[in-house]
Amino acid sequence: SSQEEILSDGRFSCIARDPRFWEMPEKERKVKIDKRFRAMFHDKKFKLKYTVDKRGRPVNYTSTENLRKFYALSESDSDLSESDSKELTVKKKKKKKAKAKGEADS
């Protein structure tokens, strides 16, 4: 209700129409990175465990959570990585089947 009162006031009515004060959309909020940097989400080198925040209060979270909060894989790369991983699993299955047949013959 106080928000409505502020926006109805003539002095602040332009704030509702001004794009500088709009909230940033979720899609644009995160920085898009490509597949070269996807290892930082699961690599141990990038993982730090914090025990206190910048003001000295105890916390229990890791830097990986911050990375996921600010960075997102670009959609084209994430689609490629999913298809690459599916192709790799199919190739592995074929190799295992071929090895199993080769072992059965000898």
N, C-alpha and C. Protein backbone atom coordinates (compact mmCIF):
# COMPACT_ATOMS: atom_id res chain seq x y z
N SER A 1 0.82 -1.19 0.00
CA SER A 1 0.00 0.00 0.00
C SER A 1 0.87 1.25 0.00
N SER A 2 1.98 1.23 0.72
CA SER A 2 2.85 2.40 0.74
C SER A 2 3.49 2.60 -0.64
N GLN A 3 3.75 1.49 -1.35
CA GLN A 3 4.29 1.57 -2.70
C GLN A 3 3.30 2.28 -3.63
N GLU A 4 2.03 1.95 -3.49
CA GLU A 4 1.00 2.59 -4.31
C GLU A 4 0.90 4.08 -4.02
N GLU A 5 1.03 4.44 -2.74
CA GLU A 5 0.98 5.85 -2.36
C GLU A 5 2.14 6.61 -2.98
N ILE A 6 3.31 6.00 -2.98
CA ILE A 6 4.49 6.65 -3.54
C ILE A 6 4.31 6.86 -5.04
N LEU A 7 3.83 5.82 -5.74
CA LEU A 7 3.66 5.93 -7.18
C LEU A 7 2.53 6.89 -7.57
N SER A 8 1.55 7.05 -6.70
CA SER A 8 0.45 7.97 -7.01
C SER A 8 0.86 9.43 -6.77
N ASP A 9 1.91 9.63 -6.00
CA ASP A 9 2.41 10.98 -5.77
C ASP A 9 2.99 11.54 -7.08
N GLY A 10 2.66 12.74 -7.42
CA GLY A 10 3.08 13.36 -8.67
C GLY A 10 4.58 13.47 -8.82
N ARG A 11 5.26 13.65 -7.70
CA ARG A 11 6.71 13.82 -7.76
C ARG A 11 7.44 12.53 -8.17
N PHE A 12 6.84 11.38 -7.85
CA PHE A 12 7.51 10.10 -8.11
C PHE A 12 6.82 9.26 -9.17
N SER A 13 5.83 9.79 -9.84
CA SER A 13 5.07 9.00 -10.81
C SER A 13 5.92 8.58 -12.02
N CYS A 14 6.95 9.37 -12.33
CA CYS A 14 7.78 9.01 -13.49
C CYS A 14 8.64 7.77 -13.22
N ILE A 15 8.83 7.40 -11.98
CA ILE A 15 9.66 6.23 -11.65
C ILE A 15 9.04 4.95 -12.19
N ALA A 16 7.74 4.84 -12.17
CA ALA A 16 7.08 3.63 -12.65
C ALA A 16 7.25 3.44 -14.15
N ARG A 17 7.41 4.55 -14.89
CA ARG A 17 7.54 4.46 -16.35
C ARG A 17 8.99 4.46 -16.82
N ASP A 18 9.91 4.78 -15.95
CA ASP A 18 11.31 4.92 -16.34
C ASP A 18 12.01 3.55 -16.34
N PRO A 19 12.57 3.10 -17.48
CA PRO A 19 13.19 1.78 -17.53
C PRO A 19 14.44 1.63 -16.66
N ARG A 20 15.03 2.74 -16.25
CA ARG A 20 16.21 2.65 -15.38
C ARG A 20 15.87 2.04 -14.03
N PHE A 21 14.63 2.13 -13.61
CA PHE A 21 14.23 1.64 -12.30
C PHE A 21 13.49 0.31 -12.36
N TRP A 22 13.34 -0.27 -13.54
CA TRP A 22 12.69 -1.58 -13.66
C TRP A 22 13.61 -2.66 -13.14
N GLU A 23 13.03 -3.72 -12.65
CA GLU A 23 13.83 -4.85 -12.19
C GLU A 23 14.36 -5.61 -13.40
N MET A 24 15.57 -6.07 -13.29
CA MET A 24 16.21 -6.77 -14.40
C MET A 24 15.60 -8.16 -14.57
N PRO A 25 15.28 -8.57 -15.80
CA PRO A 25 14.70 -9.90 -16.00
C PRO A 25 15.69 -11.02 -15.62
N GLU A 26 15.16 -12.15 -15.21
CA GLU A 26 15.98 -13.28 -14.76
C GLU A 26 16.92 -13.76 -15.86
N LYS A 27 16.45 -13.77 -17.10
CA LYS A 27 17.28 -14.25 -18.21
C LYS A 27 18.49 -13.36 -18.45
N GLU A 28 18.32 -12.07 -18.25
CA GLU A 28 19.42 -11.13 -18.50
C GLU A 28 20.31 -10.93 -17.28
N ARG A 29 19.87 -11.41 -16.14
CA ARG A 29 20.60 -11.18 -14.90
C ARG A 29 21.91 -11.95 -14.85
N LYS A 30 21.91 -13.15 -15.38
CA LYS A 30 23.10 -13.99 -15.34
C LYS A 30 23.97 -13.77 -16.58
N VAL A 31 25.27 -13.87 -16.38
CA VAL A 31 26.22 -13.73 -17.48
C VAL A 31 26.31 -15.07 -18.20
N LYS A 32 26.18 -15.06 -19.52
CA LYS A 32 26.25 -16.29 -20.30
C LYS A 32 27.72 -16.63 -20.56
N ILE A 33 28.07 -17.87 -20.26
CA ILE A 33 29.43 -18.33 -20.55
C ILE A 33 29.34 -19.55 -21.45
N ASP A 34 30.39 -19.81 -22.21
CA ASP A 34 30.34 -20.93 -23.14
C ASP A 34 30.93 -22.19 -22.50
N LYS A 35 30.96 -23.25 -23.28
CA LYS A 35 31.30 -24.57 -22.75
C LYS A 35 32.74 -24.68 -22.27
N ARG A 36 33.61 -23.75 -22.65
CA ARG A 36 34.99 -23.80 -22.19
C ARG A 36 35.08 -23.62 -20.68
N PHE A 37 34.14 -22.92 -20.10
CA PHE A 37 34.19 -22.59 -18.69
C PHE A 37 33.22 -23.41 -17.84
N ARG A 38 32.60 -24.41 -18.40
CA ARG A 38 31.61 -25.18 -17.64
C ARG A 38 32.25 -26.00 -16.52
N ALA A 39 33.55 -26.23 -16.58
CA ALA A 39 34.22 -27.01 -15.54
C ALA A 39 34.23 -26.28 -14.20
N MET A 40 34.09 -24.96 -14.22
CA MET A 40 34.15 -24.22 -12.97
C MET A 40 32.96 -24.51 -12.06
N PHE A 41 31.89 -25.09 -12.60
CA PHE A 41 30.74 -25.43 -11.77
C PHE A 41 30.98 -26.69 -10.94
N HIS A 42 31.89 -27.56 -11.37
CA HIS A 42 32.08 -28.80 -10.63
C HIS A 42 33.55 -29.11 -10.29
N ASP A 43 34.48 -28.26 -10.71
CA ASP A 43 35.89 -28.49 -10.44
C ASP A 43 36.22 -28.09 -9.00
N LYS A 44 37.06 -28.88 -8.34
CA LYS A 44 37.43 -28.61 -6.96
C LYS A 44 38.27 -27.34 -6.81
N LYS A 45 38.96 -26.95 -7.86
CA LYS A 45 39.79 -25.75 -7.80
C LYS A 45 38.97 -24.48 -7.60
N PHE A 46 37.73 -24.50 -8.04
CA PHE A 46 36.87 -23.32 -7.95
C PHE A 46 35.99 -23.34 -6.71
N LYS A 47 36.08 -24.39 -5.90
CA LYS A 47 35.17 -24.54 -4.77
C LYS A 47 35.84 -24.08 -3.48
N LEU A 48 35.26 -23.09 -2.87
CA LEU A 48 35.70 -22.60 -1.57
C LEU A 48 34.54 -22.73 -0.60
N LYS A 49 34.84 -23.19 0.60
CA LYS A 49 33.79 -23.31 1.61
C LYS A 49 33.93 -22.15 2.58
N TYR A 50 32.87 -21.35 2.66
CA TYR A 50 32.88 -20.20 3.54
C TYR A 50 32.31 -20.56 4.90
N THR A 51 32.91 -20.03 5.95
CA THR A 51 32.40 -20.23 7.30
C THR A 51 31.81 -18.96 7.89
N VAL A 52 32.32 -17.81 7.41
CA VAL A 52 31.77 -16.52 7.85
C VAL A 52 31.56 -15.63 6.63
N ASP A 53 30.58 -14.74 6.72
CA ASP A 53 30.37 -13.80 5.62
C ASP A 53 31.25 -12.57 5.81
N LYS A 54 31.07 -11.57 4.96
CA LYS A 54 31.96 -10.40 5.00
C LYS A 54 31.79 -9.57 6.27
N ARG A 55 30.72 -9.80 7.00
CA ARG A 55 30.51 -9.06 8.25
C ARG A 55 30.83 -9.90 9.48
N GLY A 56 31.33 -11.12 9.28
CA GLY A 56 31.74 -11.96 10.40
C GLY A 56 30.65 -12.87 10.94
N ARG A 57 29.49 -12.89 10.30
CA ARG A 57 28.42 -13.78 10.75
C ARG A 57 28.66 -15.18 10.22
N PRO A 58 28.37 -16.20 11.01
CA PRO A 58 28.60 -17.58 10.53
C PRO A 58 27.64 -17.96 9.41
N VAL A 59 28.18 -18.56 8.36
CA VAL A 59 27.39 -19.03 7.23
C VAL A 59 27.87 -20.42 6.84
N ASN A 60 27.09 -21.10 6.05
CA ASN A 60 27.46 -22.44 5.61
C ASN A 60 27.11 -22.58 4.13
N TYR A 61 27.95 -22.05 3.27
CA TYR A 61 27.74 -22.23 1.84
C TYR A 61 29.08 -22.21 1.13
N THR A 62 29.06 -22.59 -0.16
CA THR A 62 30.29 -22.66 -0.94
C THR A 62 30.26 -21.65 -2.07
N SER A 63 31.40 -21.44 -2.68
CA SER A 63 31.48 -20.49 -3.78
C SER A 63 30.77 -21.02 -5.02
N THR A 64 30.55 -22.32 -5.10
CA THR A 64 29.84 -22.89 -6.24
C THR A 64 28.42 -22.33 -6.33
N GLU A 65 27.80 -22.10 -5.19
CA GLU A 65 26.45 -21.53 -5.18
C GLU A 65 26.47 -20.12 -5.77
N ASN A 66 27.51 -19.35 -5.47
CA ASN A 66 27.62 -18.01 -6.04
C ASN A 66 27.83 -18.08 -7.55
N LEU A 67 28.62 -19.06 -8.01
CA LEU A 67 28.86 -19.20 -9.44
C LEU A 67 27.55 -19.49 -10.16
N ARG A 68 26.74 -20.38 -9.61
CA ARG A 68 25.45 -20.70 -10.23
C ARG A 68 24.49 -19.51 -10.18
N LYS A 69 24.68 -18.65 -9.20
CA LYS A 69 23.81 -17.49 -9.04
C LYS A 69 24.11 -16.43 -10.10
N PHE A 70 25.37 -16.26 -10.47
CA PHE A 70 25.76 -15.18 -11.37
C PHE A 70 26.06 -15.62 -12.79
N TYR A 71 26.33 -16.91 -13.02
CA TYR A 71 26.70 -17.38 -14.35
C TYR A 71 25.75 -18.46 -14.83
N ALA A 72 25.53 -18.50 -16.15
CA ALA A 72 24.72 -19.54 -16.77
C ALA A 72 25.39 -19.95 -18.07
N LEU A 73 25.34 -21.24 -18.36
CA LEU A 73 25.87 -21.70 -19.63
C LEU A 73 24.99 -21.19 -20.75
N SER A 74 25.61 -20.78 -21.84
CA SER A 74 24.80 -20.31 -22.97
C SER A 74 23.98 -21.47 -23.50
N GLU A 75 22.79 -21.18 -23.96
CA GLU A 75 21.83 -22.22 -24.35
C GLU A 75 22.35 -23.07 -25.49
N SER A 76 23.01 -22.47 -26.46
CA SER A 76 23.50 -23.25 -27.59
C SER A 76 24.59 -24.22 -27.13
N ASP A 77 25.43 -23.79 -26.20
CA ASP A 77 26.48 -24.67 -25.71
C ASP A 77 25.92 -25.75 -24.80
N SER A 78 24.91 -25.42 -23.99
CA SER A 78 24.35 -26.43 -23.11
C SER A 78 23.63 -27.50 -23.93
N ASP A 79 22.98 -27.10 -25.03
CA ASP A 79 22.34 -28.08 -25.90
C ASP A 79 23.39 -28.98 -26.54
N LEU A 80 24.49 -28.37 -26.96
CA LEU A 80 25.57 -29.16 -27.56
C LEU A 80 26.18 -30.10 -26.55
N SER A 81 26.36 -29.63 -25.33
CA SER A 81 26.98 -30.48 -24.33
C SER A 81 26.08 -31.66 -23.98
N GLU A 82 24.76 -31.44 -23.94
CA GLU A 82 23.84 -32.55 -23.69
C GLU A 82 23.88 -33.57 -24.82
N SER A 83 23.91 -33.10 -26.05
CA SER A 83 23.95 -34.03 -27.17
C SER A 83 25.30 -34.73 -27.22
N ASP A 84 26.38 -34.03 -26.89
CA ASP A 84 27.70 -34.66 -26.84
C ASP A 84 27.75 -35.74 -25.79
N SER A 85 27.18 -35.48 -24.62
CA SER A 85 27.21 -36.47 -23.56
C SER A 85 26.37 -37.69 -23.94
N LYS A 86 25.25 -37.48 -24.64
CA LYS A 86 24.43 -38.61 -25.09
C LYS A 86 25.19 -39.44 -26.11
N GLU A 87 25.90 -38.76 -27.03
CA GLU A 87 26.68 -39.48 -28.04
C GLU A 87 27.80 -40.28 -27.39
N LEU A 88 28.44 -39.72 -26.37
CA LEU A 88 29.53 -40.43 -25.69
C LEU A 88 29.02 -41.67 -24.98
N THR A 89 27.85 -41.58 -24.34
CA THR A 89 27.31 -42.75 -23.66
C THR A 89 26.93 -43.83 -24.66
N VAL A 90 26.41 -43.43 -25.81
CA VAL A 90 26.06 -44.41 -26.84
C VAL A 90 27.33 -45.09 -27.36
N LYS A 91 28.39 -44.31 -27.59
CA LYS A 91 29.65 -44.88 -28.07
C LYS A 91 30.25 -45.82 -27.04
N LYS A 92 30.18 -45.47 -25.76
CA LYS A 92 30.71 -46.33 -24.71
C LYS A 92 29.97 -47.65 -24.66
N LYS A 93 28.64 -47.59 -24.80
CA LYS A 93 27.85 -48.80 -24.79
C LYS A 93 28.21 -49.70 -25.96
N LYS A 94 28.42 -49.09 -27.13
CA LYS A 94 28.80 -49.88 -28.31
C LYS A 94 30.16 -50.53 -28.11
N LYS A 95 31.11 -49.81 -27.52
CA LYS A 95 32.44 -50.37 -27.27
C LYS A 95 32.37 -51.51 -26.28
N LYS A 96 31.56 -51.37 -25.24
CA LYS A 96 31.42 -52.43 -24.25
C LYS A 96 30.82 -53.68 -24.88
N LYS A 97 29.82 -53.49 -25.74
CA LYS A 97 29.20 -54.62 -26.42
C LYS A 97 30.21 -55.30 -27.35
N ALA A 98 31.02 -54.51 -28.04
CA ALA A 98 32.01 -55.07 -28.95
C ALA A 98 33.07 -55.85 -28.17
N LYS A 99 33.49 -55.33 -27.01
CA LYS A 99 34.47 -56.02 -26.18
C LYS A 99 33.89 -57.31 -25.63
N ALA A 100 32.63 -57.26 -25.23
CA ALA A 100 32.00 -58.45 -24.69
C ALA A 100 31.89 -59.54 -25.75
N LYS A 101 31.59 -59.18 -26.97
CA LYS A 101 31.53 -60.15 -28.07
C LYS A 101 32.91 -60.69 -28.37
N GLY A 102 33.93 -59.83 -28.35
CA GLY A 102 35.29 -60.25 -28.60
C GLY A 102 35.79 -61.21 -27.54
N GLU A 103 35.44 -60.99 -26.30
CA GLU A 103 35.85 -61.87 -25.22
C GLU A 103 35.13 -63.20 -25.31
N ALA A 104 33.90 -63.20 -25.75
CA ALA A 104 33.12 -64.44 -25.88
C ALA A 104 33.68 -65.30 -26.99
N ASP A 105 34.19 -64.68 -28.06
CA ASP A 105 34.76 -65.45 -29.18
C ASP A 105 36.05 -66.12 -28.79
N SER A 106 36.88 -65.51 -27.96
CA SER A 106 38.18 -66.08 -27.61
C SER A 106 38.11 -66.95 -26.40
